[in-house]
Amino acid sequence: MTKLSIDDKEYDSEDLTKEQTEIVNLLNLGQNSLSLLNHMVRCTQSVQQMKTEELKTSLEGRPTISDVTKKQADDIKKSLDADTNAK
């Protein structure tokens, strides 16, 4: 027995008509869709903020995280190549 609450009034889902149950199902689908869309908006906003900071950093002539990571990867590769050639 599931209860649903609308404007602080509780209703027993077992007493709903087929049409009322369909409305409840549609409301649940809408709520799930809104949750997913809100999550997508938050993710998009985060990426926008990160990329804005990345562009600002790049325009100011400072190294970006990807620059540092690429340099570290190149340094590691050179070190591994040197170790391989030394053997």
N, C-alpha and C. Protein backbone atom coordinates (compact mmCIF):
# COMPACT_ATOMS: atom_id res chain seq x y z
N MET A 1 0.85 -1.16 0.00
CA MET A 1 0.00 0.00 0.00
C MET A 1 0.90 1.24 0.00
N THR A 2 0.91 1.96 -1.10
CA THR A 2 1.72 3.15 -1.23
C THR A 2 0.85 4.39 -1.04
N LYS A 3 1.39 5.32 -0.30
CA LYS A 3 0.69 6.58 -0.09
C LYS A 3 1.33 7.64 -0.97
N LEU A 4 0.50 8.54 -1.50
CA LEU A 4 1.05 9.68 -2.17
C LEU A 4 0.48 10.92 -1.52
N SER A 5 1.25 11.98 -1.53
CA SER A 5 0.88 13.19 -0.83
C SER A 5 0.83 14.35 -1.80
N ILE A 6 -0.30 15.07 -1.79
CA ILE A 6 -0.47 16.26 -2.61
C ILE A 6 -1.01 17.36 -1.69
N ASP A 7 -0.29 18.47 -1.62
CA ASP A 7 -0.69 19.59 -0.76
C ASP A 7 -0.99 19.14 0.67
N ASP A 8 -0.08 18.35 1.22
CA ASP A 8 -0.17 17.86 2.60
C ASP A 8 -1.37 16.95 2.86
N LYS A 9 -1.97 16.43 1.81
CA LYS A 9 -3.07 15.48 1.97
C LYS A 9 -2.61 14.15 1.38
N GLU A 10 -2.80 13.06 2.14
CA GLU A 10 -2.35 11.75 1.70
C GLU A 10 -3.48 10.97 1.02
N TYR A 11 -3.06 10.21 0.00
CA TYR A 11 -3.99 9.37 -0.73
C TYR A 11 -3.39 7.97 -0.82
N ASP A 12 -4.22 6.97 -0.76
CA ASP A 12 -3.78 5.58 -0.89
C ASP A 12 -3.80 5.21 -2.36
N SER A 13 -2.64 4.76 -2.86
CA SER A 13 -2.54 4.45 -4.29
C SER A 13 -3.44 3.29 -4.71
N GLU A 14 -3.80 2.45 -3.76
CA GLU A 14 -4.68 1.33 -4.09
C GLU A 14 -6.11 1.80 -4.41
N ASP A 15 -6.45 3.00 -4.00
CA ASP A 15 -7.79 3.53 -4.24
C ASP A 15 -7.88 4.34 -5.53
N LEU A 16 -6.76 4.47 -6.26
CA LEU A 16 -6.76 5.27 -7.48
C LEU A 16 -7.43 4.52 -8.63
N THR A 17 -8.07 5.28 -9.50
CA THR A 17 -8.63 4.69 -10.72
C THR A 17 -7.48 4.45 -11.70
N LYS A 18 -7.77 3.78 -12.78
CA LYS A 18 -6.75 3.53 -13.81
C LYS A 18 -6.24 4.85 -14.36
N GLU A 19 -7.14 5.77 -14.61
CA GLU A 19 -6.77 7.08 -15.16
C GLU A 19 -5.89 7.84 -14.17
N GLN A 20 -6.22 7.79 -12.88
CA GLN A 20 -5.42 8.47 -11.86
C GLN A 20 -4.03 7.83 -11.74
N THR A 21 -3.98 6.52 -11.85
CA THR A 21 -2.69 5.81 -11.81
C THR A 21 -1.83 6.23 -12.99
N GLU A 22 -2.43 6.38 -14.16
CA GLU A 22 -1.69 6.82 -15.34
C GLU A 22 -1.14 8.23 -15.14
N ILE A 23 -1.92 9.09 -14.50
CA ILE A 23 -1.45 10.45 -14.22
C ILE A 23 -0.27 10.40 -13.26
N VAL A 24 -0.36 9.58 -12.22
CA VAL A 24 0.74 9.44 -11.27
C VAL A 24 1.99 8.93 -11.99
N ASN A 25 1.82 7.95 -12.86
CA ASN A 25 2.96 7.42 -13.61
C ASN A 25 3.59 8.50 -14.48
N LEU A 26 2.76 9.33 -15.11
CA LEU A 26 3.28 10.41 -15.95
C LEU A 26 4.02 11.45 -15.09
N LEU A 27 3.47 11.75 -13.92
CA LEU A 27 4.14 12.67 -13.01
C LEU A 27 5.50 12.11 -12.57
N ASN A 28 5.56 10.83 -12.29
CA ASN A 28 6.83 10.19 -11.91
C ASN A 28 7.84 10.26 -13.06
N LEU A 29 7.37 10.00 -14.27
CA LEU A 29 8.25 10.09 -15.44
C LEU A 29 8.77 11.51 -15.61
N GLY A 30 7.88 12.49 -15.44
CA GLY A 30 8.29 13.88 -15.54
C GLY A 30 9.34 14.24 -14.50
N GLN A 31 9.14 13.77 -13.27
CA GLN A 31 10.10 14.06 -12.20
C GLN A 31 11.46 13.42 -12.50
N ASN A 32 11.43 12.18 -12.98
CA ASN A 32 12.69 11.51 -13.35
C ASN A 32 13.39 12.23 -14.48
N SER A 33 12.61 12.70 -15.45
CA SER A 33 13.19 13.45 -16.57
C SER A 33 13.82 14.75 -16.09
N LEU A 34 13.12 15.46 -15.21
CA LEU A 34 13.67 16.70 -14.67
C LEU A 34 14.96 16.45 -13.91
N SER A 35 15.02 15.38 -13.15
CA SER A 35 16.25 15.06 -12.41
C SER A 35 17.40 14.82 -13.38
N LEU A 36 17.15 14.08 -14.43
CA LEU A 36 18.19 13.80 -15.43
C LEU A 36 18.63 15.08 -16.13
N LEU A 37 17.67 15.90 -16.53
CA LEU A 37 18.00 17.16 -17.20
C LEU A 37 18.78 18.09 -16.28
N ASN A 38 18.41 18.17 -15.01
CA ASN A 38 19.15 19.00 -14.06
C ASN A 38 20.58 18.50 -13.90
N HIS A 39 20.75 17.19 -13.89
CA HIS A 39 22.10 16.62 -13.81
C HIS A 39 22.91 17.01 -15.05
N MET A 40 22.28 16.93 -16.21
CA MET A 40 22.97 17.30 -17.45
C MET A 40 23.35 18.78 -17.45
N VAL A 41 22.48 19.63 -16.94
CA VAL A 41 22.77 21.06 -16.86
C VAL A 41 23.97 21.30 -15.94
N ARG A 42 23.97 20.65 -14.78
CA ARG A 42 25.08 20.83 -13.84
C ARG A 42 26.40 20.36 -14.45
N CYS A 43 26.37 19.24 -15.16
CA CYS A 43 27.59 18.74 -15.80
C CYS A 43 28.08 19.72 -16.87
N THR A 44 27.16 20.22 -17.67
CA THR A 44 27.51 21.16 -18.73
C THR A 44 28.07 22.45 -18.13
N GLN A 45 27.47 22.94 -17.06
CA GLN A 45 27.97 24.14 -16.40
C GLN A 45 29.38 23.92 -15.87
N SER A 46 29.65 22.75 -15.33
CA SER A 46 30.99 22.44 -14.80
C SER A 46 32.02 22.45 -15.91
N VAL A 47 31.68 21.83 -17.04
CA VAL A 47 32.62 21.80 -18.17
C VAL A 47 32.84 23.22 -18.69
N GLN A 48 31.77 24.00 -18.79
CA GLN A 48 31.90 25.38 -19.25
C GLN A 48 32.84 26.17 -18.33
N GLN A 49 32.67 26.00 -17.05
CA GLN A 49 33.51 26.71 -16.08
C GLN A 49 34.96 26.27 -16.20
N MET A 50 35.19 24.96 -16.32
CA MET A 50 36.56 24.45 -16.45
C MET A 50 37.23 24.97 -17.71
N LYS A 51 36.50 24.92 -18.83
CA LYS A 51 37.08 25.35 -20.10
C LYS A 51 37.30 26.86 -20.13
N THR A 52 36.44 27.62 -19.46
CA THR A 52 36.65 29.06 -19.36
C THR A 52 37.94 29.35 -18.61
N GLU A 53 38.15 28.65 -17.49
CA GLU A 53 39.38 28.81 -16.72
C GLU A 53 40.60 28.37 -17.53
N GLU A 54 40.44 27.27 -18.28
CA GLU A 54 41.55 26.79 -19.11
C GLU A 54 41.92 27.82 -20.17
N LEU A 55 40.92 28.42 -20.81
CA LEU A 55 41.17 29.43 -21.83
C LEU A 55 41.83 30.66 -21.20
N LYS A 56 41.32 31.09 -20.06
CA LYS A 56 41.88 32.25 -19.36
C LYS A 56 43.35 32.01 -19.02
N THR A 57 43.64 30.83 -18.52
CA THR A 57 45.02 30.46 -18.18
C THR A 57 45.91 30.51 -19.41
N SER A 58 45.40 29.94 -20.50
CA SER A 58 46.17 29.90 -21.75
C SER A 58 46.40 31.30 -22.29
N LEU A 59 45.37 32.14 -22.25
CA LEU A 59 45.50 33.51 -22.76
C LEU A 59 46.48 34.33 -21.93
N GLU A 60 46.61 34.00 -20.66
CA GLU A 60 47.55 34.70 -19.78
C GLU A 60 48.97 34.15 -19.90
N GLY A 61 49.15 33.14 -20.76
CA GLY A 61 50.48 32.60 -21.01
C GLY A 61 50.98 31.62 -19.97
N ARG A 62 50.08 31.21 -19.06
CA ARG A 62 50.48 30.23 -18.05
C ARG A 62 50.23 28.83 -18.61
N PRO A 63 51.01 27.85 -18.19
CA PRO A 63 50.78 26.48 -18.68
C PRO A 63 49.46 25.92 -18.15
N THR A 64 48.76 25.21 -19.01
CA THR A 64 47.51 24.57 -18.61
C THR A 64 47.82 23.19 -18.06
N ILE A 65 46.83 22.58 -17.46
CA ILE A 65 47.00 21.22 -16.93
C ILE A 65 47.41 20.27 -18.05
N SER A 66 46.79 20.41 -19.22
CA SER A 66 47.13 19.51 -20.33
C SER A 66 48.56 19.73 -20.78
N ASP A 67 49.05 20.98 -20.73
CA ASP A 67 50.46 21.24 -21.07
C ASP A 67 51.39 20.53 -20.10
N VAL A 68 51.11 20.66 -18.82
CA VAL A 68 51.93 20.04 -17.78
C VAL A 68 51.88 18.53 -17.92
N THR A 69 50.68 17.98 -18.12
CA THR A 69 50.52 16.54 -18.25
C THR A 69 51.28 16.02 -19.47
N LYS A 70 51.20 16.75 -20.60
CA LYS A 70 51.91 16.33 -21.80
C LYS A 70 53.41 16.37 -21.56
N LYS A 71 53.90 17.42 -20.89
CA LYS A 71 55.34 17.51 -20.60
C LYS A 71 55.76 16.35 -19.70
N GLN A 72 54.96 16.04 -18.68
CA GLN A 72 55.29 14.92 -17.79
C GLN A 72 55.31 13.61 -18.57
N ALA A 73 54.34 13.42 -19.46
CA ALA A 73 54.30 12.20 -20.26
C ALA A 73 55.53 12.11 -21.17
N ASP A 74 55.90 13.24 -21.77
CA ASP A 74 57.10 13.25 -22.62
C ASP A 74 58.35 12.93 -21.81
N ASP A 75 58.44 13.50 -20.60
CA ASP A 75 59.60 13.24 -19.73
C ASP A 75 59.67 11.76 -19.35
N ILE A 76 58.53 11.18 -19.03
CA ILE A 76 58.49 9.75 -18.67
C ILE A 76 58.91 8.90 -19.85
N LYS A 77 58.39 9.25 -21.04
CA LYS A 77 58.75 8.49 -22.25
C LYS A 77 60.25 8.57 -22.51
N LYS A 78 60.82 9.77 -22.38
CA LYS A 78 62.27 9.94 -22.59
C LYS A 78 63.05 9.12 -21.59
N SER A 79 62.58 9.09 -20.35
CA SER A 79 63.25 8.33 -19.31
C SER A 79 63.18 6.84 -19.61
N LEU A 80 62.03 6.36 -20.04
CA LEU A 80 61.89 4.95 -20.39
C LEU A 80 62.73 4.59 -21.61
N ASP A 81 62.76 5.49 -22.60
CA ASP A 81 63.58 5.25 -23.79
C ASP A 81 65.06 5.18 -23.42
N ALA A 82 65.47 6.08 -22.52
CA ALA A 82 66.87 6.09 -22.08
C ALA A 82 67.20 4.80 -21.34
N ASP A 83 66.30 4.34 -20.49
CA ASP A 83 66.53 3.08 -19.76
C ASP A 83 66.61 1.92 -20.73
N THR A 84 65.76 1.90 -21.74
CA THR A 84 65.75 0.80 -22.71
C THR A 84 67.03 0.81 -23.53
N ASN A 85 67.48 1.98 -23.94
CA ASN A 85 68.69 2.09 -24.74
C ASN A 85 69.94 1.77 -23.93
N ALA A 86 69.89 2.00 -22.64
CA ALA A 86 71.05 1.75 -21.77
C ALA A 86 71.26 0.26 -21.55
N LYS A 87 70.22 -0.55 -21.74
CA LYS A 87 70.32 -1.99 -21.46
C LYS A 87 70.90 -2.73 -22.60
